[in-house]
């Protein structure tokens, strides 16, 4: 038996500081060879098959879960659409099922059900957890925006005039979102390596990562109707780690005047387990003082009476081929200026309709100083300051066969949980499947 940081003990073994103790109860989707995908949660290093539990009647006679019908679906969209009462009910049931001496021993005392529903994580393949209809990426870290603006426009003009007034974002390609562990082929595209010569069609030479958080939307809104800022929390299901892979040279040539396009649309990686907002409640923290930066509060539709951030520790590591994994940056979600709720409120302010399973990325999360940057663009300062890895490798941008690993966790005096990892290896542009 192992004790979680919140004091609850599970009858399943949970190693110390495992990212998935009983106070987490994340949600994801997995599959076994030659089988359909199933909805799941995770306790320690065990995947819990929610389809099996639903078929066994575990969610019968529930108030908000409709007897667990949502867990018989291949993705989590149906569960997401049910709303916060259903999410909290499922979480409470699952915590009780796997807590020692909780009074609910329906899994523990049933060897056949236990064998079918509790699966070692190494025996499954994780999937993108929802059918993502739409994907938007924001630009909400003030230090990242300042770093990039300083790089290209100088310190005096680092932030564009609108940045402190609204969460800037762009619409991405939901079809290119993949789950952690999926290899990423280096993109080709139109770029202009020599500003004195015409553009060319070639392989990206400035491949980058971006350390981000992303949230999945739960219940949506009707077209033409805003989601009020006071209600946004009830529309956010939970968060994942996200790597917004970027082709900086393609992006640089194409982005004027309409912003990111092919430099961003070739791949985005998400971690497989969605950590719910209920699990993150103990890790709320004070947000940036927005009135201090702007001189006055943001417009009323962005004024959140419960304005808060989250104390989520983030790291990014690189592993060149035949070398050891090495941490190259650490940051925190505290560095987000615009909150998840403000992002959603602004996005829907025109009446833009959302659906359950839509994904919104935070934008690169960086700190003020080297060592806390969330992209190679910043770490190498646009390639002008290549950095040295401990084993002799030097990098300005990602090279072929480099592996990027992102991780995130929350910890305070009473509780600990994590997001697992978000990983990907960059393959050559001519890599054969």
Protein backbone atom coordinates (compact mmCIF):
# COMPACT_ATOMS: atom_id res chain seq x y z
CA UNK A 1 0.00 0.00 0.00
CA UNK A 2 1.11 3.57 -0.62
CA UNK A 3 -0.12 6.79 0.92
CA UNK A 4 -0.99 9.76 -1.29
CA UNK A 5 0.09 13.27 -0.31
CA UNK A 6 -3.50 14.09 0.68
CA UNK A 7 -3.47 11.25 3.24
CA UNK A 8 -5.77 8.81 1.43
CA UNK A 9 -4.46 5.27 1.05
CA UNK A 10 -5.28 3.06 -1.92
CA UNK A 11 -5.44 -0.73 -2.01
CA UNK A 12 -3.47 -0.39 -5.25
CA UNK A 13 0.24 0.32 -4.97
CA UNK A 14 1.10 3.97 -5.69
CA UNK A 15 4.84 4.73 -5.64
CA UNK A 16 5.95 7.88 -3.78
CA UNK A 17 5.44 11.07 -5.81
CA UNK A 18 3.73 9.15 -8.58
CA UNK A 19 1.87 11.67 -10.76
CA UNK A 20 -1.43 9.83 -10.36
CA UNK A 21 -2.36 9.46 -6.67
CA UNK A 22 -5.97 9.25 -5.48
CA UNK A 23 -6.34 13.02 -5.35
CA UNK A 24 -5.74 13.19 -9.11
CA UNK A 25 -8.22 10.84 -10.88
CA UNK A 26 -7.46 12.07 -14.41
CA UNK A 27 -9.36 10.95 -17.49
CA UNK A 28 -8.01 9.56 -20.75
CA UNK A 29 -8.60 7.06 -23.54
CA UNK A 30 -6.62 3.88 -24.24
CA UNK A 31 -6.77 0.85 -26.45
CA UNK A 32 -5.36 -2.64 -26.54
CA UNK A 33 -4.22 -4.39 -29.73
CA UNK A 34 -7.14 -5.26 -32.03
CA UNK A 35 -9.67 -3.63 -29.68
CA UNK A 36 -11.70 -0.41 -29.72
CA UNK A 37 -10.61 2.49 -27.54
CA UNK A 38 -12.05 2.77 -24.02
CA UNK A 39 -12.44 5.68 -21.60
CA UNK A 40 -10.28 5.37 -18.50
CA UNK A 41 -8.86 6.89 -15.38
CA UNK A 42 -5.49 6.18 -13.82
CA UNK A 43 -4.42 5.29 -10.26
CA UNK A 44 -0.66 5.02 -9.79
CA UNK A 45 0.66 2.89 -12.64
CA UNK A 46 -2.70 1.25 -13.28
CA UNK A 47 -5.16 2.20 -16.02
CA UNK A 48 -8.78 1.77 -14.90
CA UNK A 49 -11.13 0.75 -17.71
CA UNK A 50 -14.31 2.81 -17.25
CA UNK A 51 -16.10 0.88 -19.99
CA UNK A 52 -15.68 -2.29 -17.96
CA UNK A 53 -16.87 -0.57 -14.78
CA UNK A 54 -19.90 0.87 -16.58
CA UNK A 55 -20.85 -2.55 -17.98
CA UNK A 56 -20.53 -4.00 -14.47
CA UNK A 57 -23.10 -1.51 -13.18
CA UNK A 58 -20.72 0.59 -11.10
CA UNK A 59 -22.38 3.82 -12.30
CA UNK A 60 -25.98 2.59 -12.09
CA UNK A 61 -28.41 4.77 -10.14
CA UNK A 62 -26.14 7.80 -10.36
CA UNK A 63 -27.70 11.24 -10.30
CA UNK A 64 -25.81 12.90 -13.17
CA UNK A 65 -23.93 10.13 -15.02
CA UNK A 66 -26.92 8.42 -16.73
CA UNK A 67 -25.77 4.99 -15.52
CA UNK A 68 -22.33 5.56 -17.03
CA UNK A 69 -23.46 5.49 -20.67
CA UNK A 70 -20.83 8.14 -21.47
CA UNK A 71 -18.09 5.68 -20.46
CA UNK A 72 -19.20 3.22 -23.12
CA UNK A 73 -18.19 5.72 -25.82
CA UNK A 74 -14.82 5.61 -27.60
CA UNK A 75 -13.86 9.16 -26.58
CA UNK A 76 -14.54 11.42 -23.60
CA UNK A 77 -16.73 13.97 -25.41
CA UNK A 78 -19.98 12.62 -24.01
CA UNK A 79 -18.66 12.72 -20.44
CA UNK A 80 -17.27 16.22 -20.98
CA UNK A 81 -20.66 17.45 -22.22
CA UNK A 82 -22.45 16.33 -19.04
CA UNK A 83 -20.97 19.17 -17.00
CA UNK A 84 -19.43 19.76 -13.62
CA UNK A 85 -21.95 17.85 -11.48
CA UNK A 86 -21.30 14.67 -13.48
CA UNK A 87 -17.53 15.20 -13.38
CA UNK A 88 -17.58 15.57 -9.59
CA UNK A 89 -19.86 12.57 -9.17
CA UNK A 90 -17.60 10.33 -11.27
CA UNK A 91 -14.53 11.53 -9.41
CA UNK A 92 -16.09 10.80 -6.01
CA UNK A 93 -17.19 7.30 -7.06
CA UNK A 94 -13.77 6.43 -8.47
CA UNK A 95 -11.90 7.73 -5.44
CA UNK A 96 -14.08 5.62 -3.16
CA UNK A 97 -13.65 2.50 -5.31
CA UNK A 98 -9.85 2.60 -5.01
CA UNK A 99 -9.45 3.92 -1.46
CA UNK A 100 -8.66 1.40 1.22
CA UNK A 101 -11.55 0.82 3.67
CA UNK A 102 -13.77 3.43 1.98
CA UNK A 103 -16.86 1.28 2.31
CA UNK A 104 -17.12 0.73 -1.47
CA UNK A 105 -15.32 -2.54 -2.21
CA UNK A 106 -17.19 -3.43 -5.42
CA UNK A 107 -13.91 -3.72 -7.36
CA UNK A 108 -11.59 -4.83 -4.56
CA UNK A 109 -13.82 -7.77 -3.52
CA UNK A 110 -14.55 -8.94 -7.09
CA UNK A 111 -11.45 -10.70 -8.51
CA UNK A 112 -12.96 -11.08 -11.99
CA UNK A 113 -13.92 -7.42 -12.23
CA UNK A 114 -10.57 -6.34 -10.76
CA UNK A 115 -8.66 -8.33 -13.39
CA UNK A 116 -10.75 -6.93 -16.24
CA UNK A 117 -10.79 -3.30 -15.11
CA UNK A 118 -7.34 -2.73 -13.56
CA UNK A 119 -4.62 -2.87 -16.23
CA UNK A 120 -0.87 -2.15 -15.89
CA UNK A 121 -0.13 1.03 -17.82
CA UNK A 122 2.60 -0.69 -19.84
CA UNK A 123 0.02 -2.98 -21.47
CA UNK A 124 -2.01 -0.25 -23.17
CA UNK A 125 -1.60 2.36 -25.91
CA UNK A 126 -2.86 5.82 -25.04
CA UNK A 127 -4.95 7.85 -27.51
CA UNK A 128 -5.95 11.48 -27.99
CA UNK A 129 -8.63 11.64 -25.27
CA UNK A 130 -11.37 13.45 -27.20
CA UNK A 131 -12.64 13.99 -30.70
CA UNK A 132 -11.31 17.52 -31.06
CA UNK A 133 -13.58 19.54 -33.33
CA UNK A 134 -11.75 22.85 -33.02
CA UNK A 135 -8.40 23.96 -31.63
CA UNK A 136 -7.21 27.46 -30.71
CA UNK A 137 -3.81 28.49 -29.41
CA UNK A 138 -3.38 31.61 -27.30
CA UNK A 139 -0.35 33.80 -26.56
CA UNK A 140 -0.97 34.40 -22.86
CA UNK A 141 2.42 34.35 -21.10
CA UNK A 142 3.59 37.92 -20.61
CA UNK A 143 7.26 36.96 -20.35
CA UNK A 144 7.20 34.91 -23.55
CA UNK A 145 5.43 37.72 -25.42
CA UNK A 146 7.93 40.22 -24.01
CA UNK A 147 10.93 38.04 -24.87
CA UNK A 148 9.80 37.48 -28.46
CA UNK A 149 8.77 41.10 -28.91
CA UNK A 150 12.12 42.33 -27.59
CA UNK A 151 13.90 39.93 -29.92
CA UNK A 152 12.24 41.28 -33.05
CA UNK A 153 11.08 44.83 -32.19
CA UNK A 154 13.25 45.98 -29.30
CA UNK A 155 12.45 46.30 -25.60
CA UNK A 156 10.50 49.56 -25.96
CA UNK A 157 8.01 47.96 -28.39
CA UNK A 158 8.04 44.41 -27.06
CA UNK A 159 4.29 44.10 -26.43
CA UNK A 160 1.87 45.05 -29.18
CA UNK A 161 -0.73 47.65 -28.23
CA UNK A 162 -3.56 45.11 -27.89
CA UNK A 163 -1.69 42.52 -25.81
CA UNK A 164 -2.59 43.87 -22.35
CA UNK A 165 -6.22 44.39 -23.41
CA UNK A 166 -7.14 40.92 -24.66
CA UNK A 167 -5.88 37.31 -24.87
CA UNK A 168 -4.31 37.11 -28.35
CA UNK A 169 -4.77 33.80 -30.16
CA UNK A 170 -5.03 32.02 -33.50
CA UNK A 171 -7.03 29.09 -34.84
CA UNK A 172 -5.01 25.91 -35.32
CA UNK A 173 -5.58 22.57 -37.02
CA UNK A 174 -7.37 20.04 -34.83
CA UNK A 175 -6.53 17.33 -37.36
CA UNK A 176 -2.81 17.60 -36.54
CA UNK A 177 -3.12 17.01 -32.78
CA UNK A 178 -1.43 13.78 -31.69
CA UNK A 179 -0.92 12.02 -28.38
CA UNK A 180 2.36 11.94 -26.47
CA UNK A 181 4.90 9.52 -27.91
CA UNK A 182 3.90 10.05 -31.54
CA UNK A 183 6.99 10.73 -33.74
CA UNK A 184 6.93 14.09 -35.55
CA UNK A 185 8.19 14.38 -39.11
CA UNK A 186 10.17 17.56 -39.82
CA UNK A 187 7.99 19.73 -42.09
CA UNK A 188 8.88 21.24 -45.43
CA UNK A 189 7.41 24.48 -46.72
CA UNK A 190 7.99 27.84 -48.29
CA UNK A 191 10.64 29.84 -46.51
CA UNK A 192 13.14 32.58 -47.22
CA UNK A 193 16.52 31.79 -45.63
CA UNK A 194 18.23 34.63 -47.52
CA UNK A 195 16.26 37.91 -47.36
CA UNK A 196 18.09 39.10 -50.48
CA UNK A 197 16.91 36.14 -52.57
CA UNK A 198 13.47 34.80 -53.54
CA UNK A 199 11.76 32.26 -51.26
CA UNK A 200 12.34 28.53 -51.70
CA UNK A 201 10.47 25.30 -50.96
CA UNK A 202 12.59 23.35 -48.50
CA UNK A 203 12.89 21.51 -45.21
CA UNK A 204 12.41 23.48 -42.00
CA UNK A 205 15.83 24.28 -40.52
CA UNK A 206 14.51 26.01 -37.39
CA UNK A 207 12.33 23.40 -35.72
CA UNK A 208 11.14 24.40 -32.26
CA UNK A 209 9.00 23.28 -29.33
CA UNK A 210 6.71 25.35 -27.14
CA UNK A 211 5.96 24.45 -23.52
CA UNK A 212 2.22 24.97 -23.01
CA UNK A 213 -0.80 23.98 -21.00
CA UNK A 214 -4.10 23.37 -22.77
CA UNK A 215 -7.67 22.97 -21.56
CA UNK A 216 -10.53 20.88 -22.92
CA UNK A 217 -13.96 22.47 -23.12
CA UNK A 218 -16.92 20.72 -21.51
CA UNK A 219 -20.46 21.95 -22.25
CA UNK A 220 -20.54 24.33 -25.18
CA UNK A 221 -22.57 27.43 -26.01
CA UNK A 222 -25.04 28.33 -28.73
CA UNK A 223 -23.81 30.31 -31.71
CA UNK A 224 -24.31 34.02 -31.07
CA UNK A 225 -24.22 33.63 -27.28
CA UNK A 226 -21.25 34.53 -25.08
CA UNK A 227 -20.01 32.43 -22.18
CA UNK A 228 -20.00 34.95 -19.30
CA UNK A 229 -16.72 35.12 -17.41
CA UNK A 230 -18.51 34.05 -14.20
CA UNK A 231 -19.59 30.80 -15.91
CA UNK A 232 -16.40 29.90 -17.76
CA UNK A 233 -15.11 27.66 -14.97
CA UNK A 234 -18.12 25.39 -15.46
CA UNK A 235 -17.26 25.03 -19.15
CA UNK A 236 -13.64 23.92 -18.60
CA UNK A 237 -13.24 20.16 -18.09
CA UNK A 238 -9.52 19.88 -17.38
CA UNK A 239 -5.95 20.46 -18.53
CA UNK A 240 -3.13 18.65 -20.34
CA UNK A 241 0.47 19.44 -21.23
CA UNK A 242 0.92 20.59 -24.81
CA UNK A 243 3.85 20.96 -27.20
CA UNK A 244 3.00 23.34 -30.02
CA UNK A 245 5.72 22.27 -32.47
CA UNK A 246 6.82 25.24 -34.59
CA UNK A 247 8.70 25.68 -37.85
CA UNK A 248 10.19 29.09 -37.12
CA UNK A 249 11.61 29.75 -40.59
CA UNK A 250 8.34 28.86 -42.33
CA UNK A 251 6.48 30.92 -39.73
CA UNK A 252 8.72 33.97 -40.13
CA UNK A 253 8.16 34.21 -43.87
CA UNK A 254 4.41 33.56 -43.90
CA UNK A 255 3.03 35.25 -40.78
CA UNK A 256 2.57 38.79 -42.14
CA UNK A 257 -0.23 39.92 -42.13
CA UNK A 258 -2.49 37.11 -40.85
CA UNK A 259 -0.26 35.27 -38.37
CA UNK A 260 0.61 31.58 -37.85
CA UNK A 261 -0.34 29.12 -40.60
CA UNK A 262 1.84 26.33 -42.04
CA UNK A 263 4.58 27.02 -39.51
CA UNK A 264 2.20 25.66 -36.84
CA UNK A 265 -0.23 23.29 -38.52
CA UNK A 266 1.91 20.19 -39.05
CA UNK A 267 1.81 18.78 -35.48
CA UNK A 268 0.76 19.55 -31.91
CA UNK A 269 1.33 16.99 -29.13
CA UNK A 270 -0.78 16.62 -25.98
CA UNK A 271 -0.25 14.49 -22.89
CA UNK A 272 -2.78 11.63 -22.66
CA UNK A 273 -4.27 12.23 -19.19
CA UNK A 274 -6.61 15.17 -18.58
CA UNK A 275 -6.25 16.51 -15.03
CA UNK A 276 -9.62 17.91 -13.97
CA UNK A 277 -10.12 21.39 -12.59
CA UNK A 278 -11.45 19.79 -9.36
CA UNK A 279 -8.09 18.08 -8.88
CA UNK A 280 -6.32 21.40 -9.45
CA UNK A 281 -8.38 23.33 -6.87
CA UNK A 282 -5.73 23.01 -4.11
CA UNK A 283 -3.15 24.57 -6.42
CA UNK A 284 -4.91 27.82 -7.25
CA UNK A 285 -2.69 30.86 -6.83
CA UNK A 286 -2.80 34.62 -7.15
CA UNK A 287 -2.82 35.85 -10.76
CA UNK A 288 -0.88 38.72 -12.30
CA UNK A 289 -2.14 42.14 -11.25
CA UNK A 290 -3.76 43.09 -14.53
CA UNK A 291 -4.91 46.52 -13.41
CA UNK A 292 -1.37 47.41 -12.37
CA UNK A 293 0.05 46.56 -15.80
CA UNK A 294 -2.72 48.25 -17.77
CA UNK A 295 -3.39 51.17 -15.47
CA UNK A 296 -7.01 50.06 -15.18
CA UNK A 297 -8.95 46.80 -15.19
CA UNK A 298 -9.55 44.90 -18.44
CA UNK A 299 -12.96 45.43 -20.06
CA UNK A 300 -15.89 44.19 -17.98
CA UNK A 301 -16.43 40.94 -19.90
CA UNK A 302 -12.88 39.90 -18.89
CA UNK A 303 -13.19 40.89 -15.22
CA UNK A 304 -13.33 37.61 -13.32
CA UNK A 305 -14.56 37.88 -9.71
CA UNK A 306 -12.58 34.69 -8.98
CA UNK A 307 -9.46 35.65 -10.93
CA UNK A 308 -6.74 33.09 -10.23
CA UNK A 309 -3.88 31.17 -11.76
CA UNK A 310 -2.50 27.69 -11.04
CA UNK A 311 0.81 26.76 -9.45
CA UNK A 312 1.88 24.10 -11.97
CA UNK A 313 5.61 23.36 -12.25
CA UNK A 314 6.71 22.68 -15.83
CA UNK A 315 9.94 21.39 -17.33
CA UNK A 316 11.27 20.61 -20.79
CA UNK A 317 14.13 18.24 -21.57
CA UNK A 318 16.02 17.29 -24.71
CA UNK A 319 17.63 13.98 -25.61
CA UNK A 320 19.82 13.89 -28.73
CA UNK A 321 20.21 10.54 -30.42
CA UNK A 322 22.51 8.23 -28.40
CA UNK A 323 22.71 10.74 -25.52
CA UNK A 324 21.12 11.19 -22.11
CA UNK A 325 17.99 13.20 -21.42
CA UNK A 326 18.84 16.69 -20.12
CA UNK A 327 16.58 19.38 -18.67
CA UNK A 328 16.95 22.62 -20.63
CA UNK A 329 14.19 24.73 -19.09
CA UNK A 330 11.89 24.98 -16.07
CA UNK A 331 8.94 27.33 -15.76
CA UNK A 332 5.52 27.58 -14.10
CA UNK A 333 1.93 28.18 -15.14
CA UNK A 334 2.07 31.17 -12.79
CA UNK A 335 3.68 32.95 -15.74
CA UNK A 336 0.36 33.06 -17.62
CA UNK A 337 -1.00 36.62 -17.61
CA UNK A 338 -4.40 35.76 -19.08
CA UNK A 339 -6.24 32.96 -17.24
CA UNK A 340 -8.01 29.97 -18.79
CA UNK A 341 -11.38 31.53 -17.94
CA UNK A 342 -10.42 34.83 -19.58
CA UNK A 343 -9.23 32.99 -22.68
CA UNK A 344 -12.58 31.22 -23.01
CA UNK A 345 -14.61 34.34 -22.23
CA UNK A 346 -12.76 36.33 -24.88
CA UNK A 347 -12.93 33.54 -27.48
CA UNK A 348 -16.71 33.31 -27.09
CA UNK A 349 -17.25 37.06 -26.81
CA UNK A 350 -18.28 37.30 -30.47
CA UNK A 351 -20.72 34.40 -30.04
CA UNK A 352 -18.24 31.84 -31.35
CA UNK A 353 -19.80 28.42 -30.60
CA UNK A 354 -17.86 25.82 -28.61
CA UNK A 355 -18.49 22.09 -28.43
CA UNK A 356 -17.45 19.50 -25.88
CA UNK A 357 -13.93 18.33 -26.65
CA UNK A 358 -12.68 21.58 -28.21
CA UNK A 359 -9.09 22.39 -27.17
CA UNK A 360 -7.50 25.72 -26.23
CA UNK A 361 -3.72 26.07 -25.75
CA UNK A 362 -2.25 28.65 -23.40
CA UNK A 363 0.62 29.74 -25.62
CA UNK A 364 4.27 29.27 -24.70
CA UNK A 365 4.83 29.61 -20.95
CA UNK A 366 8.13 31.33 -20.18
CA UNK A 367 9.72 33.10 -17.26
CA UNK A 368 11.75 36.30 -17.28
CA UNK A 369 15.25 34.81 -17.29
CA UNK A 370 17.30 32.16 -19.06
CA UNK A 371 16.62 28.77 -17.61
CA UNK A 372 12.89 29.54 -17.47
CA UNK A 373 12.23 29.89 -21.20
CA UNK A 374 9.66 27.67 -22.86
CA UNK A 375 10.94 27.60 -26.43
CA UNK A 376 14.24 27.20 -28.25
CA UNK A 377 13.56 30.50 -29.99
CA UNK A 378 14.12 32.12 -26.60
CA UNK A 379 16.76 29.74 -25.25
CA UNK A 380 19.02 30.37 -28.27
CA UNK A 381 17.70 33.94 -28.74
CA UNK A 382 16.57 33.34 -32.33
CA UNK A 383 19.63 31.17 -33.00
CA UNK A 384 22.14 33.89 -32.14
CA UNK A 385 23.21 32.24 -28.86
CA UNK A 386 23.45 28.44 -29.37
CA UNK A 387 23.38 26.52 -26.09
CA UNK A 388 25.65 23.68 -25.03
CA UNK A 389 24.33 20.40 -23.70
CA UNK A 390 26.41 18.59 -21.08
CA UNK A 391 27.45 15.77 -23.39
CA UNK A 392 28.95 18.05 -26.02
CA UNK A 393 25.96 18.61 -28.26
CA UNK A 394 25.27 22.22 -29.27
CA UNK A 395 21.81 23.39 -30.32
CA UNK A 396 20.12 26.44 -31.77
CA UNK A 397 17.01 24.54 -32.85
CA UNK A 398 15.84 20.92 -32.81
CA UNK A 399 17.85 18.51 -34.93
CA UNK A 400 16.71 15.20 -36.42
CA UNK A 401 16.18 12.40 -33.88
CA UNK A 402 16.16 14.82 -30.93
CA UNK A 403 13.55 13.78 -28.37
CA UNK A 404 11.64 16.46 -26.48
CA UNK A 405 10.09 15.58 -23.11
CA UNK A 406 7.78 17.92 -21.19
CA UNK A 407 6.54 17.22 -17.68
CA UNK A 408 4.36 18.99 -15.14
CA UNK A 409 3.36 18.57 -11.51
CA UNK A 410 1.72 20.41 -8.60
CA UNK A 411 2.88 20.20 -5.00
CA UNK A 412 2.05 21.95 -1.75
CA UNK A 413 2.16 20.99 1.92
CA UNK A 414 -0.92 18.81 1.69
CA UNK A 415 -1.07 17.42 -1.82
CA UNK A 416 0.81 16.29 -4.92
CA UNK A 417 -0.24 15.30 -8.42
CA UNK A 418 1.17 15.40 -11.92
CA UNK A 419 0.32 15.39 -15.60
CA UNK A 420 2.76 12.71 -16.69
CA UNK A 421 4.81 13.45 -19.79
CA UNK A 422 4.33 14.95 -23.24
CA UNK A 423 6.97 13.53 -25.59
CA UNK A 424 7.93 13.43 -29.24
CA UNK A 425 10.93 12.57 -31.43
CA UNK A 426 11.63 14.63 -34.53
CA UNK A 427 12.18 12.49 -37.64
CA UNK A 428 13.91 13.59 -40.86
CA UNK A 429 11.75 15.17 -43.56
CA UNK A 430 12.40 12.18 -45.84
CA UNK A 431 11.76 9.54 -43.15
CA UNK A 432 10.00 6.50 -44.58
CA UNK A 433 7.08 5.01 -42.64
